[in-house]
N, C-alpha and C. Protein backbone atom coordinates (compact mmCIF):
# COMPACT_ATOMS: atom_id res chain seq x y z
N UNK A 1 71.74 32.02 -88.26
CA UNK A 1 70.88 33.05 -87.76
C UNK A 1 70.20 32.57 -86.48
N UNK A 2 70.42 33.29 -85.48
CA UNK A 2 69.82 32.91 -84.21
C UNK A 2 68.64 33.84 -83.92
N UNK A 3 67.69 33.33 -83.15
CA UNK A 3 66.52 34.12 -82.79
C UNK A 3 66.88 35.07 -81.66
N UNK A 4 66.48 36.31 -81.80
CA UNK A 4 66.75 37.31 -80.78
C UNK A 4 65.60 37.37 -79.79
N UNK A 5 65.93 37.55 -78.56
CA UNK A 5 64.88 37.75 -77.57
C UNK A 5 64.74 39.24 -77.33
N UNK A 6 63.52 39.69 -77.31
CA UNK A 6 63.25 41.11 -77.11
C UNK A 6 62.81 41.30 -75.67
N UNK A 7 63.44 42.23 -74.99
CA UNK A 7 63.08 42.52 -73.61
C UNK A 7 61.79 43.33 -73.59
N UNK A 8 61.09 43.18 -72.50
CA UNK A 8 59.86 43.95 -72.30
C UNK A 8 60.24 45.41 -72.11
N UNK A 9 59.73 46.33 -72.99
CA UNK A 9 60.12 47.73 -72.86
C UNK A 9 59.58 48.40 -71.59
N UNK A 10 58.51 47.86 -71.03
CA UNK A 10 57.95 48.42 -69.80
C UNK A 10 58.18 47.39 -68.69
N UNK A 11 59.08 47.69 -67.77
CA UNK A 11 59.36 46.72 -66.71
C UNK A 11 58.20 46.62 -65.73
N UNK A 12 58.14 45.50 -65.06
CA UNK A 12 57.15 45.23 -64.01
C UNK A 12 55.71 45.23 -64.53
N UNK A 13 55.51 45.00 -65.80
CA UNK A 13 54.17 44.89 -66.34
C UNK A 13 53.94 43.43 -66.67
N UNK A 14 52.91 42.88 -66.08
CA UNK A 14 52.60 41.47 -66.27
C UNK A 14 51.92 41.26 -67.62
N UNK A 15 52.42 40.31 -68.38
CA UNK A 15 51.79 40.00 -69.65
C UNK A 15 50.54 39.20 -69.39
N UNK A 16 49.46 39.54 -70.07
CA UNK A 16 48.22 38.80 -69.89
C UNK A 16 47.90 38.04 -71.15
N UNK A 17 47.35 36.89 -70.95
CA UNK A 17 46.91 36.08 -72.09
C UNK A 17 45.41 35.85 -71.96
N UNK A 18 44.87 35.25 -72.97
CA UNK A 18 43.43 34.97 -72.97
C UNK A 18 43.08 34.05 -71.81
N UNK A 19 43.96 33.10 -71.51
CA UNK A 19 43.66 32.15 -70.44
C UNK A 19 43.59 32.85 -69.09
N UNK A 20 44.48 33.78 -68.83
CA UNK A 20 44.44 34.46 -67.53
C UNK A 20 43.26 35.40 -67.44
N UNK A 21 42.84 35.99 -68.55
CA UNK A 21 41.68 36.88 -68.52
C UNK A 21 40.41 36.10 -68.26
N UNK A 22 40.34 34.86 -68.69
CA UNK A 22 39.17 34.04 -68.42
C UNK A 22 39.06 33.72 -66.94
N UNK A 23 40.18 33.64 -66.25
CA UNK A 23 40.17 33.28 -64.84
C UNK A 23 39.82 34.47 -63.95
N UNK A 24 40.03 35.69 -64.44
CA UNK A 24 39.72 36.86 -63.63
C UNK A 24 38.22 37.02 -63.50
N UNK A 25 37.77 37.32 -62.30
CA UNK A 25 36.35 37.55 -62.07
C UNK A 25 36.09 39.03 -61.96
N UNK A 26 34.95 39.44 -62.48
CA UNK A 26 34.56 40.83 -62.44
C UNK A 26 33.56 40.99 -61.31
N UNK A 27 33.83 41.90 -60.41
CA UNK A 27 32.93 42.17 -59.30
C UNK A 27 32.29 43.54 -59.51
N UNK A 28 30.97 43.57 -59.47
CA UNK A 28 30.25 44.82 -59.62
C UNK A 28 29.99 45.43 -58.25
N UNK A 29 29.72 46.71 -58.24
CA UNK A 29 29.49 47.40 -56.97
C UNK A 29 28.20 46.95 -56.31
N UNK A 30 27.20 46.61 -57.12
CA UNK A 30 25.89 46.23 -56.59
C UNK A 30 25.46 44.91 -57.18
N UNK A 31 24.50 44.29 -56.53
CA UNK A 31 23.93 43.04 -57.03
C UNK A 31 22.82 43.35 -58.03
N UNK A 32 22.32 42.30 -58.64
CA UNK A 32 21.27 42.46 -59.65
C UNK A 32 20.01 43.10 -59.07
N UNK A 33 19.66 42.73 -57.85
CA UNK A 33 18.47 43.28 -57.22
C UNK A 33 18.61 44.79 -56.99
N UNK A 34 19.83 45.23 -56.63
CA UNK A 34 20.06 46.65 -56.41
C UNK A 34 19.79 47.46 -57.67
N UNK A 35 20.27 46.95 -58.80
CA UNK A 35 20.05 47.66 -60.06
C UNK A 35 18.57 47.69 -60.43
N UNK A 36 17.86 46.62 -60.14
CA UNK A 36 16.42 46.61 -60.41
C UNK A 36 15.71 47.65 -59.55
N UNK A 37 16.06 47.70 -58.27
CA UNK A 37 15.45 48.68 -57.37
C UNK A 37 15.79 50.10 -57.81
N UNK A 38 17.02 50.30 -58.29
CA UNK A 38 17.40 51.63 -58.76
C UNK A 38 16.58 52.05 -59.97
N UNK A 39 16.33 51.13 -60.87
CA UNK A 39 15.49 51.45 -62.03
C UNK A 39 14.07 51.79 -61.61
N UNK A 40 13.55 51.08 -60.62
CA UNK A 40 12.22 51.39 -60.11
C UNK A 40 12.21 52.78 -59.48
N UNK A 41 13.25 53.12 -58.74
CA UNK A 41 13.35 54.44 -58.13
C UNK A 41 13.43 55.55 -59.17
N UNK A 42 14.20 55.33 -60.23
CA UNK A 42 14.29 56.32 -61.31
C UNK A 42 12.93 56.47 -61.98
N UNK A 43 12.23 55.36 -62.16
CA UNK A 43 10.88 55.43 -62.74
C UNK A 43 9.93 56.22 -61.86
N UNK A 44 10.04 56.05 -60.54
CA UNK A 44 9.17 56.81 -59.63
C UNK A 44 9.48 58.30 -59.68
N UNK A 45 10.76 58.65 -59.77
CA UNK A 45 11.14 60.06 -59.86
C UNK A 45 10.59 60.67 -61.15
N UNK A 46 10.77 59.96 -62.25
CA UNK A 46 10.25 60.47 -63.52
C UNK A 46 8.73 60.57 -63.49
N UNK A 47 8.06 59.60 -62.87
CA UNK A 47 6.61 59.65 -62.75
C UNK A 47 6.18 60.87 -61.96
N UNK A 48 6.90 61.22 -60.90
CA UNK A 48 6.58 62.40 -60.12
C UNK A 48 6.69 63.68 -60.94
N UNK A 49 7.71 63.77 -61.78
CA UNK A 49 7.85 64.95 -62.62
C UNK A 49 6.75 65.00 -63.69
N UNK A 50 6.37 63.85 -64.21
CA UNK A 50 5.27 63.82 -65.18
C UNK A 50 3.97 64.25 -64.50
N UNK A 51 3.74 63.78 -63.29
CA UNK A 51 2.53 64.18 -62.55
C UNK A 51 2.51 65.69 -62.33
N UNK A 52 3.68 66.26 -61.99
CA UNK A 52 3.72 67.71 -61.80
C UNK A 52 3.43 68.46 -63.09
N UNK A 53 3.85 67.91 -64.22
CA UNK A 53 3.62 68.60 -65.49
C UNK A 53 2.17 68.48 -65.95
N UNK A 54 1.41 67.55 -65.41
CA UNK A 54 0.01 67.36 -65.82
C UNK A 54 -0.94 68.34 -65.15
N UNK A 55 -0.45 69.11 -64.22
CA UNK A 55 -1.32 70.04 -63.50
C UNK A 55 -1.83 71.12 -64.44
N UNK A 56 -3.14 71.36 -64.44
CA UNK A 56 -3.77 72.33 -65.34
C UNK A 56 -3.80 73.74 -64.77
N UNK A 57 -3.49 73.90 -63.50
CA UNK A 57 -3.51 75.23 -62.88
C UNK A 57 -2.33 76.05 -63.42
N UNK A 58 -2.44 77.38 -63.40
CA UNK A 58 -1.33 78.20 -63.87
C UNK A 58 -0.09 78.02 -62.99
N UNK A 59 1.05 77.84 -63.64
CA UNK A 59 2.36 77.68 -62.98
C UNK A 59 2.39 76.46 -62.06
N UNK A 60 1.52 75.49 -62.26
CA UNK A 60 1.55 74.26 -61.47
C UNK A 60 1.15 74.44 -60.03
N UNK A 61 0.25 75.39 -59.74
CA UNK A 61 -0.14 75.65 -58.36
C UNK A 61 -1.34 74.83 -57.91
N UNK A 62 -1.65 73.74 -58.60
CA UNK A 62 -2.76 72.89 -58.19
C UNK A 62 -2.29 71.74 -57.31
N UNK A 63 -3.21 70.81 -57.06
CA UNK A 63 -2.91 69.66 -56.20
C UNK A 63 -1.79 68.80 -56.80
N UNK A 64 -1.84 68.57 -58.12
CA UNK A 64 -0.83 67.71 -58.75
C UNK A 64 0.56 68.34 -58.70
N UNK A 65 0.64 69.63 -58.93
CA UNK A 65 1.94 70.29 -59.00
C UNK A 65 2.57 70.60 -57.66
N UNK A 66 1.74 70.81 -56.65
CA UNK A 66 2.28 71.19 -55.34
C UNK A 66 2.30 70.07 -54.32
N UNK A 67 1.47 69.06 -54.49
CA UNK A 67 1.35 68.04 -53.46
C UNK A 67 1.74 66.65 -53.95
N UNK A 68 0.96 66.14 -54.89
CA UNK A 68 1.14 64.74 -55.29
C UNK A 68 2.47 64.51 -56.01
N UNK A 69 2.80 65.36 -56.97
CA UNK A 69 4.05 65.18 -57.73
C UNK A 69 5.28 65.22 -56.85
N UNK A 70 5.44 66.24 -56.01
CA UNK A 70 6.63 66.26 -55.14
C UNK A 70 6.70 65.10 -54.16
N UNK A 71 5.54 64.64 -53.68
CA UNK A 71 5.56 63.49 -52.77
C UNK A 71 6.08 62.25 -53.50
N UNK A 72 5.65 62.06 -54.74
CA UNK A 72 6.11 60.90 -55.53
C UNK A 72 7.61 61.02 -55.81
N UNK A 73 8.10 62.21 -56.10
CA UNK A 73 9.52 62.40 -56.35
C UNK A 73 10.34 62.10 -55.09
N UNK A 74 9.91 62.59 -53.95
CA UNK A 74 10.63 62.33 -52.70
C UNK A 74 10.62 60.84 -52.37
N UNK A 75 9.49 60.18 -52.60
CA UNK A 75 9.43 58.72 -52.38
C UNK A 75 10.37 57.99 -53.33
N UNK A 76 10.49 58.49 -54.56
CA UNK A 76 11.43 57.90 -55.50
C UNK A 76 12.87 58.02 -55.03
N UNK A 77 13.22 59.19 -54.49
CA UNK A 77 14.57 59.36 -53.96
C UNK A 77 14.81 58.50 -52.72
N UNK A 78 13.82 58.37 -51.86
CA UNK A 78 13.96 57.48 -50.70
C UNK A 78 14.13 56.03 -51.15
N UNK A 79 13.42 55.66 -52.20
CA UNK A 79 13.57 54.31 -52.73
C UNK A 79 14.96 54.11 -53.32
N UNK A 80 15.54 55.17 -53.89
CA UNK A 80 16.91 55.08 -54.39
C UNK A 80 17.89 54.81 -53.25
N UNK A 81 17.71 55.49 -52.12
CA UNK A 81 18.57 55.22 -50.97
C UNK A 81 18.42 53.77 -50.51
N UNK A 82 17.19 53.28 -50.49
CA UNK A 82 16.97 51.88 -50.14
C UNK A 82 17.69 50.97 -51.11
N UNK A 83 17.61 51.28 -52.41
CA UNK A 83 18.24 50.43 -53.43
C UNK A 83 19.75 50.41 -53.28
N UNK A 84 20.33 51.52 -52.89
CA UNK A 84 21.79 51.57 -52.72
C UNK A 84 22.23 50.76 -51.51
N UNK A 85 21.49 50.86 -50.41
CA UNK A 85 21.90 50.20 -49.18
C UNK A 85 21.36 48.79 -49.01
N UNK A 86 20.53 48.33 -49.93
CA UNK A 86 19.94 46.99 -49.83
C UNK A 86 21.02 45.94 -49.98
N UNK A 87 21.01 44.97 -49.09
CA UNK A 87 21.97 43.87 -49.17
C UNK A 87 21.20 42.57 -49.02
N UNK A 88 21.34 41.69 -49.98
CA UNK A 88 20.63 40.41 -49.96
C UNK A 88 21.28 39.52 -48.90
N UNK A 89 20.45 38.92 -48.07
CA UNK A 89 20.94 38.10 -46.96
C UNK A 89 21.25 36.66 -47.36
N UNK A 90 20.70 36.19 -48.48
CA UNK A 90 20.91 34.80 -48.88
C UNK A 90 22.26 34.64 -49.55
N UNK A 91 22.87 33.51 -49.33
CA UNK A 91 24.14 33.19 -49.99
C UNK A 91 23.84 32.50 -51.29
N UNK A 92 24.54 32.94 -52.34
CA UNK A 92 24.31 32.32 -53.66
C UNK A 92 25.37 31.30 -53.95
């Protein structure tokens, strides 16, 4: 009885082993600082919406609903743009 060799049913597919997967590096779209800044920006946006909901005037027509809350939300979105485009200058 001889051992049969089985051909790969899918041609041109590279077989991967545990050793080759350990050598592959995973690259993320952003650095750690970018994700931190994004979380801060999301927190600022949510804070702006909470500030708008705290307004006691009818339909949110007071200072909190018309002025302060929207300003905080816009600043949160601007901070998100900063977080996306931020690039750390130091080499690690």
